[in-house]
C-alpha cells in the first residue's frame, strides 16, 4: 500500500502540471441540463477549521424526494452490498433520529486497512430532508476525522426528480493523493460511481419505496 501511495504521489504531482486535468474535479456550478442528463458535479473543498480535504458532490436521481428519502433512510438494508466499494453493511442501533451503522469498504476507498469497520453516526432530519454523518471511530480506520452531510432537494424543474448534495470533510494518511488521483480508486472515480450507482439503484427500488409513501 505504501508503494501504491508513492506512485499516487508521483502521478498526482505530474497531473497538477497538466492544464485541464487537475481542474476536472472542480466542475464549477452545476448546470441544470447536465444534471438532468445524469452528470455528477464534484468540487474539492477544504475543511473550515482543520487540515485535511473535502468534497461536494451534486447529482440528480429520477425519483420524487419522498421516495428517495425513504431509500436513503432505510439503514437496515442489503442493497448496499451491490455497491462494489462496500464489503459489508449493518445497522447497529437506532435511538430517535440518531442511527449508528457499520461498513467495511474495499481497500482502495480512503483506507489502507481493508478490515477496518467504519462506524457512522447519522442524525436524521426528516423535516429538512437532511442527513448529518460523523465517523465515530476514526483512529481505528486510520483517519483523524470524517464528517459531513447529505441534503435532498426537490428538483424544481421536474417534481419527479431529486437533487442530492453530499459534502464531506476528512483527514487521513494519503488523503491528498486519493483526492487528486484521477483513475480507478481515486476520489473522483469513487464519487462518480457512487452517484451513478444510486441513480441506477433507485430506479430498481422506486416501486418498493413508492408504496411506503402513498
C-alpha atoms as a PDB file:
ATOM      1  CA  UNK A   1       0.000   0.000   0.000  1.00  0.00           C
ATOM      2  CA  UNK A   2       2.872   2.401   0.803  1.00  0.00           C
ATOM      3  CA  UNK A   3       4.360   1.689  -2.635  1.00  0.00           C
ATOM      4  CA  UNK A   4       0.979   2.447  -4.230  1.00  0.00           C
ATOM      5  CA  UNK A   5       0.789   5.740  -2.330  1.00  0.00           C
ATOM      6  CA  UNK A   6       4.244   6.655  -3.612  1.00  0.00           C
ATOM      7  CA  UNK A   7       3.088   6.006  -7.174  1.00  0.00           C
ATOM      8  CA  UNK A   8      -0.083   8.050  -6.499  1.00  0.00           C
ATOM      9  CA  UNK A   9       2.081  10.911  -5.229  1.00  0.00           C
ATOM     10  CA  UNK A  10       4.214  10.983  -8.356  1.00  0.00           C
ATOM     11  CA  UNK A  11       1.173  10.786 -10.633  1.00  0.00           C
ATOM     12  CA  UNK A  12      -0.743  13.449  -8.717  1.00  0.00           C
ATOM     13  CA  UNK A  13       2.152  15.883  -8.805  1.00  0.00           C
ATOM     14  CA  UNK A  14       2.650  15.297 -12.520  1.00  0.00           C
ATOM     15  CA  UNK A  15      -1.045  15.751 -13.274  1.00  0.00           C
ATOM     16  CA  UNK A  16      -1.079  19.040 -11.415  1.00  0.00           C
ATOM     17  CA  UNK A  17       1.186  20.376 -14.167  1.00  0.00           C
ATOM     18  CA  UNK A  18      -1.139  19.315 -16.996  1.00  0.00           C
ATOM     19  CA  UNK A  19      -3.712  22.012 -17.923  1.00  0.00           C
ATOM     20  CA  UNK A  20      -7.290  20.865 -17.538  1.00  0.00           C
ATOM     21  CA  UNK A  21      -6.591  17.641 -15.655  1.00  0.00           C
ATOM     22  CA  UNK A  22      -6.370  18.921 -12.106  1.00  0.00           C
ATOM     23  CA  UNK A  23      -9.347  21.227 -12.642  1.00  0.00           C
ATOM     24  CA  UNK A  24     -11.631  18.373 -13.709  1.00  0.00           C
ATOM     25  CA  UNK A  25     -12.583  17.786 -10.074  1.00  0.00           C
ATOM     26  CA  UNK A  26     -13.740  21.376  -9.704  1.00  0.00           C
ATOM     27  CA  UNK A  27     -16.525  21.226 -12.254  1.00  0.00           C
ATOM     28  CA  UNK A  28     -17.994  24.580 -11.285  1.00  0.00           C
ATOM     29  CA  UNK A  29     -21.622  25.410 -10.552  1.00  0.00           C
ATOM     30  CA  UNK A  30     -23.965  22.571 -11.560  1.00  0.00           C
ATOM     31  CA  UNK A  31     -25.805  23.215 -14.823  1.00  0.00           C
ATOM     32  CA  UNK A  32     -29.461  22.198 -14.860  1.00  0.00           C
ATOM     33  CA  UNK A  33     -29.384  20.455 -18.235  1.00  0.00           C
ATOM     34  CA  UNK A  34     -26.290  18.432 -17.348  1.00  0.00           C
ATOM     35  CA  UNK A  35     -27.824  17.441 -14.008  1.00  0.00           C
ATOM     36  CA  UNK A  36     -30.917  16.243 -15.869  1.00  0.00           C
ATOM     37  CA  UNK A  37     -28.647  14.236 -18.166  1.00  0.00           C
ATOM     38  CA  UNK A  38     -27.249  12.431 -15.117  1.00  0.00           C
ATOM     39  CA  UNK A  39     -23.902  14.210 -14.756  1.00  0.00           C
ATOM     40  CA  UNK A  40     -22.344  14.357 -11.294  1.00  0.00           C
ATOM     41  CA  UNK A  41     -20.593  17.591 -10.285  1.00  0.00           C
ATOM     42  CA  UNK A  42     -17.606  17.242  -7.953  1.00  0.00           C
ATOM     43  CA  UNK A  43     -15.858  20.140  -6.217  1.00  0.00           C
ATOM     44  CA  UNK A  44     -12.857  19.931  -3.939  1.00  0.00           C
ATOM     45  CA  UNK A  45     -13.281  21.611  -0.548  1.00  0.00           C
ATOM     46  CA  UNK A  46     -11.123  22.477   2.441  1.00  0.00           C
ATOM     47  CA  UNK A  47     -12.316  21.755   5.988  1.00  0.00           C
ATOM     48  CA  UNK A  48     -13.329  25.065   7.607  1.00  0.00           C
ATOM     49  CA  UNK A  49     -11.156  24.861  10.737  1.00  0.00           C
ATOM     50  CA  UNK A  50      -8.877  21.865  10.219  1.00  0.00           C
ATOM     51  CA  UNK A  51      -6.266  20.370   7.965  1.00  0.00           C
ATOM     52  CA  UNK A  52      -7.373  17.698   5.548  1.00  0.00           C
ATOM     53  CA  UNK A  53      -9.510  17.532   2.438  1.00  0.00           C
ATOM     54  CA  UNK A  54     -13.146  17.564   1.420  1.00  0.00           C
ATOM     55  CA  UNK A  55     -15.577  17.488  -1.458  1.00  0.00           C
ATOM     56  CA  UNK A  56     -19.040  18.462  -2.587  1.00  0.00           C
ATOM     57  CA  UNK A  57     -20.891  16.007  -4.821  1.00  0.00           C
ATOM     58  CA  UNK A  58     -24.080  17.088  -6.622  1.00  0.00           C
ATOM     59  CA  UNK A  59     -26.301  14.914  -8.812  1.00  0.00           C
ATOM     60  CA  UNK A  60     -29.949  14.218  -9.632  1.00  0.00           C
ATOM     61  CA  UNK A  61     -31.913  10.980  -9.296  1.00  0.00           C
ATOM     62  CA  UNK A  62     -35.139  10.084 -11.071  1.00  0.00           C
ATOM     63  CA  UNK A  63     -37.398   9.710  -8.046  1.00  0.00           C
ATOM     64  CA  UNK A  64     -39.674  12.018  -6.019  1.00  0.00           C
ATOM     65  CA  UNK A  65     -37.991  13.387  -2.917  1.00  0.00           C
ATOM     66  CA  UNK A  66     -40.279  11.431  -0.552  1.00  0.00           C
ATOM     67  CA  UNK A  67     -39.397   8.172  -2.293  1.00  0.00           C
ATOM     68  CA  UNK A  68     -35.643   8.825  -2.382  1.00  0.00           C
ATOM     69  CA  UNK A  69     -35.731   9.898   1.268  1.00  0.00           C
ATOM     70  CA  UNK A  70     -37.201   6.506   2.186  1.00  0.00           C
ATOM     71  CA  UNK A  71     -34.412   4.862   0.183  1.00  0.00           C
ATOM     72  CA  UNK A  72     -31.669   6.908   1.881  1.00  0.00           C
ATOM     73  CA  UNK A  73     -33.049   6.311   5.375  1.00  0.00           C
ATOM     74  CA  UNK A  74     -33.514   2.557   5.010  1.00  0.00           C
ATOM     75  CA  UNK A  75     -30.435   1.795   7.085  1.00  0.00           C
ATOM     76  CA  UNK A  76     -31.284  -1.866   7.705  1.00  0.00           C
ATOM     77  CA  UNK A  77     -30.878  -2.972   4.103  1.00  0.00           C
ATOM     78  CA  UNK A  78     -28.900  -5.388   1.968  1.00  0.00           C
ATOM     79  CA  UNK A  79     -28.948  -3.462  -1.329  1.00  0.00           C
ATOM     80  CA  UNK A  80     -25.750  -1.630  -0.331  1.00  0.00           C
ATOM     81  CA  UNK A  81     -23.893  -4.899  -0.826  1.00  0.00           C
ATOM     82  CA  UNK A  82     -24.449  -4.441  -4.563  1.00  0.00           C
ATOM     83  CA  UNK A  83     -22.124  -1.436  -4.381  1.00  0.00           C
ATOM     84  CA  UNK A  84     -18.684  -2.650  -5.498  1.00  0.00           C
ATOM     85  CA  UNK A  85     -16.930  -0.493  -2.895  1.00  0.00           C
ATOM     86  CA  UNK A  86     -18.821  -1.915   0.117  1.00  0.00           C
ATOM     87  CA  UNK A  87     -17.887  -5.302   1.560  1.00  0.00           C
ATOM     88  CA  UNK A  88     -20.405  -5.323   4.403  1.00  0.00           C
ATOM     89  CA  UNK A  89     -23.065  -3.131   5.968  1.00  0.00           C
ATOM     90  CA  UNK A  90     -25.230  -3.420   9.060  1.00  0.00           C
ATOM     91  CA  UNK A  91     -27.423  -1.329  11.327  1.00  0.00           C
ATOM     92  CA  UNK A  92     -26.040  -1.228  14.880  1.00  0.00           C
ATOM     93  CA  UNK A  93     -28.537   0.977  16.711  1.00  0.00           C
ATOM     94  CA  UNK A  94     -31.336   3.491  16.316  1.00  0.00           C
ATOM     95  CA  UNK A  95     -32.409   5.937  19.012  1.00  0.00           C
ATOM     96  CA  UNK A  96     -34.888   8.530  17.890  1.00  0.00           C
ATOM     97  CA  UNK A  97     -33.328  10.416  14.990  1.00  0.00           C
ATOM     98  CA  UNK A  98     -29.807   9.107  15.652  1.00  0.00           C
ATOM     99  CA  UNK A  99     -28.663   5.973  13.825  1.00  0.00           C
ATOM    100  CA  UNK A 100     -25.361   4.085  14.015  1.00  0.00           C
ATOM    101  CA  UNK A 101     -24.258   1.863  11.134  1.00  0.00           C
ATOM    102  CA  UNK A 102     -21.119  -0.129  10.406  1.00  0.00           C
ATOM    103  CA  UNK A 103     -19.483  -0.535   6.998  1.00  0.00           C
ATOM    104  CA  UNK A 104     -16.389  -2.290   5.688  1.00  0.00           C
ATOM    105  CA  UNK A 105     -15.038  -0.821   2.459  1.00  0.00           C
ATOM    106  CA  UNK A 106     -12.690  -2.189  -0.160  1.00  0.00           C
ATOM    107  CA  UNK A 107      -9.056  -1.301   0.420  1.00  0.00           C
ATOM    108  CA  UNK A 108      -8.819   1.485  -2.134  1.00  0.00           C
ATOM    109  CA  UNK A 109     -11.606   3.626  -0.615  1.00  0.00           C
ATOM    110  CA  UNK A 110      -9.958   6.111   1.788  1.00  0.00           C
ATOM    111  CA  UNK A 111      -8.412   3.408   3.947  1.00  0.00           C
ATOM    112  CA  UNK A 112      -5.245   1.297   3.971  1.00  0.00           C
ATOM    113  CA  UNK A 113      -6.878  -1.053   6.499  1.00  0.00           C
ATOM    114  CA  UNK A 114      -9.012  -3.473   4.474  1.00  0.00           C
ATOM    115  CA  UNK A 115     -10.788  -4.898   7.533  1.00  0.00           C
ATOM    116  CA  UNK A 116     -11.489  -1.548   9.227  1.00  0.00           C
ATOM    117  CA  UNK A 117     -15.067  -1.255  10.474  1.00  0.00           C
ATOM    118  CA  UNK A 118     -16.353   2.245   9.837  1.00  0.00           C
ATOM    119  CA  UNK A 119     -18.966   3.158  12.465  1.00  0.00           C
ATOM    120  CA  UNK A 120     -21.068   6.081  11.286  1.00  0.00           C
ATOM    121  CA  UNK A 121     -23.391   8.117  13.468  1.00  0.00           C
ATOM    122  CA  UNK A 122     -26.153   9.588  11.304  1.00  0.00           C
ATOM    123  CA  UNK A 123     -28.571  12.246  12.508  1.00  0.00           C
ATOM    124  CA  UNK A 124     -31.793  12.158  10.513  1.00  0.00           C
ATOM    125  CA  UNK A 125     -33.723  15.414   9.973  1.00  0.00           C
ATOM    126  CA  UNK A 126     -36.892  14.445   8.040  1.00  0.00           C
ATOM    127  CA  UNK A 127     -38.338  17.965   8.172  1.00  0.00           C
ATOM    128  CA  UNK A 128     -35.323  19.191   6.171  1.00  0.00           C
ATOM    129  CA  UNK A 129     -34.541  16.011   4.171  1.00  0.00           C
ATOM    130  CA  UNK A 130     -31.038  16.128   5.618  1.00  0.00           C
ATOM    131  CA  UNK A 131     -28.614  13.521   6.976  1.00  0.00           C
ATOM    132  CA  UNK A 132     -25.614  14.584   9.077  1.00  0.00           C
ATOM    133  CA  UNK A 133     -22.931  11.949   9.498  1.00  0.00           C
ATOM    134  CA  UNK A 134     -19.732  11.585  11.522  1.00  0.00           C
ATOM    135  CA  UNK A 135     -17.227   8.746  11.794  1.00  0.00           C
ATOM    136  CA  UNK A 136     -17.254   7.588  15.429  1.00  0.00           C
ATOM    137  CA  UNK A 137     -14.021   5.571  15.337  1.00  0.00           C
ATOM    138  CA  UNK A 138     -11.621   7.490  13.064  1.00  0.00           C
ATOM    139  CA  UNK A 139      -8.425   6.189  14.698  1.00  0.00           C
ATOM    140  CA  UNK A 140      -9.425   2.557  14.148  1.00  0.00           C
ATOM    141  CA  UNK A 141      -9.963   3.403  10.476  1.00  0.00           C
ATOM    142  CA  UNK A 142      -6.648   5.201  10.074  1.00  0.00           C
ATOM    143  CA  UNK A 143      -8.256   8.648   9.974  1.00  0.00           C
ATOM    144  CA  UNK A 144      -8.116  11.845  12.029  1.00  0.00           C
ATOM    145  CA  UNK A 145     -11.735  12.796  11.319  1.00  0.00           C
ATOM    146  CA  UNK A 146     -14.508  12.276   8.785  1.00  0.00           C
ATOM    147  CA  UNK A 147     -17.852  14.074   8.819  1.00  0.00           C
ATOM    148  CA  UNK A 148     -20.359  15.767   6.549  1.00  0.00           C
ATOM    149  CA  UNK A 149     -23.964  15.850   5.423  1.00  0.00           C
ATOM    150  CA  UNK A 150     -26.346  14.828   2.651  1.00  0.00           C
ATOM    151  CA  UNK A 151     -29.072  17.270   1.613  1.00  0.00           C
ATOM    152  CA  UNK A 152     -32.001  16.331  -0.621  1.00  0.00           C
ATOM    153  CA  UNK A 153     -33.990  18.942  -2.562  1.00  0.00           C
ATOM    154  CA  UNK A 154     -36.932  18.683  -4.886  1.00  0.00           C
ATOM    155  CA  UNK A 155     -35.631  19.470  -8.338  1.00  0.00           C
ATOM    156  CA  UNK A 156     -37.779  22.480  -9.198  1.00  0.00           C
ATOM    157  CA  UNK A 157     -37.943  21.970 -12.937  1.00  0.00           C
ATOM    158  CA  UNK A 158     -39.354  18.467 -12.712  1.00  0.00           C
ATOM    159  CA  UNK A 159     -41.038  17.414  -9.478  1.00  0.00           C
ATOM    160  CA  UNK A 160     -40.378  13.713 -10.012  1.00  0.00           C
ATOM    161  CA  UNK A 161     -36.634  14.192  -9.627  1.00  0.00           C
ATOM    162  CA  UNK A 162     -34.487  14.840  -6.571  1.00  0.00           C
ATOM    163  CA  UNK A 163     -31.262  16.823  -6.320  1.00  0.00           C
ATOM    164  CA  UNK A 164     -28.677  15.303  -3.979  1.00  0.00           C
ATOM    165  CA  UNK A 165     -25.843  17.324  -2.436  1.00  0.00           C
ATOM    166  CA  UNK A 166     -23.256  15.482  -0.378  1.00  0.00           C
ATOM    167  CA  UNK A 167     -20.491  17.326   1.474  1.00  0.00           C
ATOM    168  CA  UNK A 168     -17.725  15.574   3.401  1.00  0.00           C
ATOM    169  CA  UNK A 169     -14.514  16.557   5.188  1.00  0.00           C
ATOM    170  CA  UNK A 170     -11.780  14.116   6.178  1.00  0.00           C
ATOM    171  CA  UNK A 171      -8.121  13.701   7.000  1.00  0.00           C
ATOM    172  CA  UNK A 172      -6.047  10.540   6.751  1.00  0.00           C
ATOM    173  CA  UNK A 173      -2.647   9.399   5.543  1.00  0.00           C
ATOM    174  CA  UNK A 174      -2.717   9.604   1.759  1.00  0.00           C
ATOM    175  CA  UNK A 175      -5.787  11.870   1.561  1.00  0.00           C
ATOM    176  CA  UNK A 176      -4.033  14.297  -0.798  1.00  0.00           C
ATOM    177  CA  UNK A 177      -3.189  11.515  -3.233  1.00  0.00           C
ATOM    178  CA  UNK A 178      -6.648   9.921  -3.031  1.00  0.00           C
ATOM    179  CA  UNK A 179      -8.279  13.273  -3.788  1.00  0.00           C
ATOM    180  CA  UNK A 180      -6.025  14.008  -6.754  1.00  0.00           C
ATOM    181  CA  UNK A 181      -5.639  10.536  -8.259  1.00  0.00           C
ATOM    182  CA  UNK A 182      -7.916  10.659 -11.350  1.00  0.00           C
ATOM    183  CA  UNK A 183      -8.230   6.951 -12.194  1.00  0.00           C
ATOM    184  CA  UNK A 184      -9.738   3.846 -10.630  1.00  0.00           C
ATOM    185  CA  UNK A 185      -9.709   4.013  -6.838  1.00  0.00           C
ATOM    186  CA  UNK A 186      -9.282   7.792  -6.619  1.00  0.00           C
ATOM    187  CA  UNK A 187     -11.860  10.163  -5.150  1.00  0.00           C
ATOM    188  CA  UNK A 188     -13.328  11.256  -8.462  1.00  0.00           C
ATOM    189  CA  UNK A 189     -13.797   7.672  -9.636  1.00  0.00           C
ATOM    190  CA  UNK A 190     -15.361   6.713  -6.289  1.00  0.00           C
ATOM    191  CA  UNK A 191     -17.794   9.661  -6.236  1.00  0.00           C
ATOM    192  CA  UNK A 192     -18.842   9.310  -9.870  1.00  0.00           C
ATOM    193  CA  UNK A 193     -19.519   5.636  -9.272  1.00  0.00           C
ATOM    194  CA  UNK A 194     -21.474   6.460  -6.092  1.00  0.00           C
ATOM    195  CA  UNK A 195     -23.741   8.877  -7.953  1.00  0.00           C
ATOM    196  CA  UNK A 196     -24.241   6.514 -10.884  1.00  0.00           C
ATOM    197  CA  UNK A 197     -24.912   3.568  -8.556  1.00  0.00           C
ATOM    198  CA  UNK A 198     -27.603   5.481  -6.662  1.00  0.00           C
ATOM    199  CA  UNK A 199     -29.168   6.742  -9.888  1.00  0.00           C
ATOM    200  CA  UNK A 200     -29.451   3.169 -11.159  1.00  0.00           C
ATOM    201  CA  UNK A 201     -30.383   1.507  -7.860  1.00  0.00           C
ATOM    202  CA  UNK A 202     -33.285   3.829  -7.027  1.00  0.00           C
ATOM    203  CA  UNK A 203     -34.823   3.032 -10.423  1.00  0.00           C
ATOM    204  CA  UNK A 204     -34.873  -0.657  -9.430  1.00  0.00           C
ATOM    205  CA  UNK A 205     -36.305   0.053  -5.971  1.00  0.00           C
ATOM    206  CA  UNK A 206     -38.542   3.042  -6.704  1.00  0.00           C
ATOM    207  CA  UNK A 207     -41.742   0.971  -6.687  1.00  0.00           C
ATOM    208  CA  UNK A 208     -40.835  -0.539  -3.295  1.00  0.00           C
ATOM    209  CA  UNK A 209     -40.242   2.797  -1.586  1.00  0.00           C
ATOM    210  CA  UNK A 210     -43.038   4.492  -3.528  1.00  0.00           C
ATOM    211  CA  UNK A 211     -45.573   2.206  -1.889  1.00  0.00           C
ATOM    212  CA  UNK A 212     -44.465   3.264   1.589  1.00  0.00           C
ATOM    213  CA  UNK A 213     -45.196   6.957   0.935  1.00  0.00           C
ATOM    214  CA  UNK A 214     -48.651   6.528  -0.575  1.00  0.00           C
END
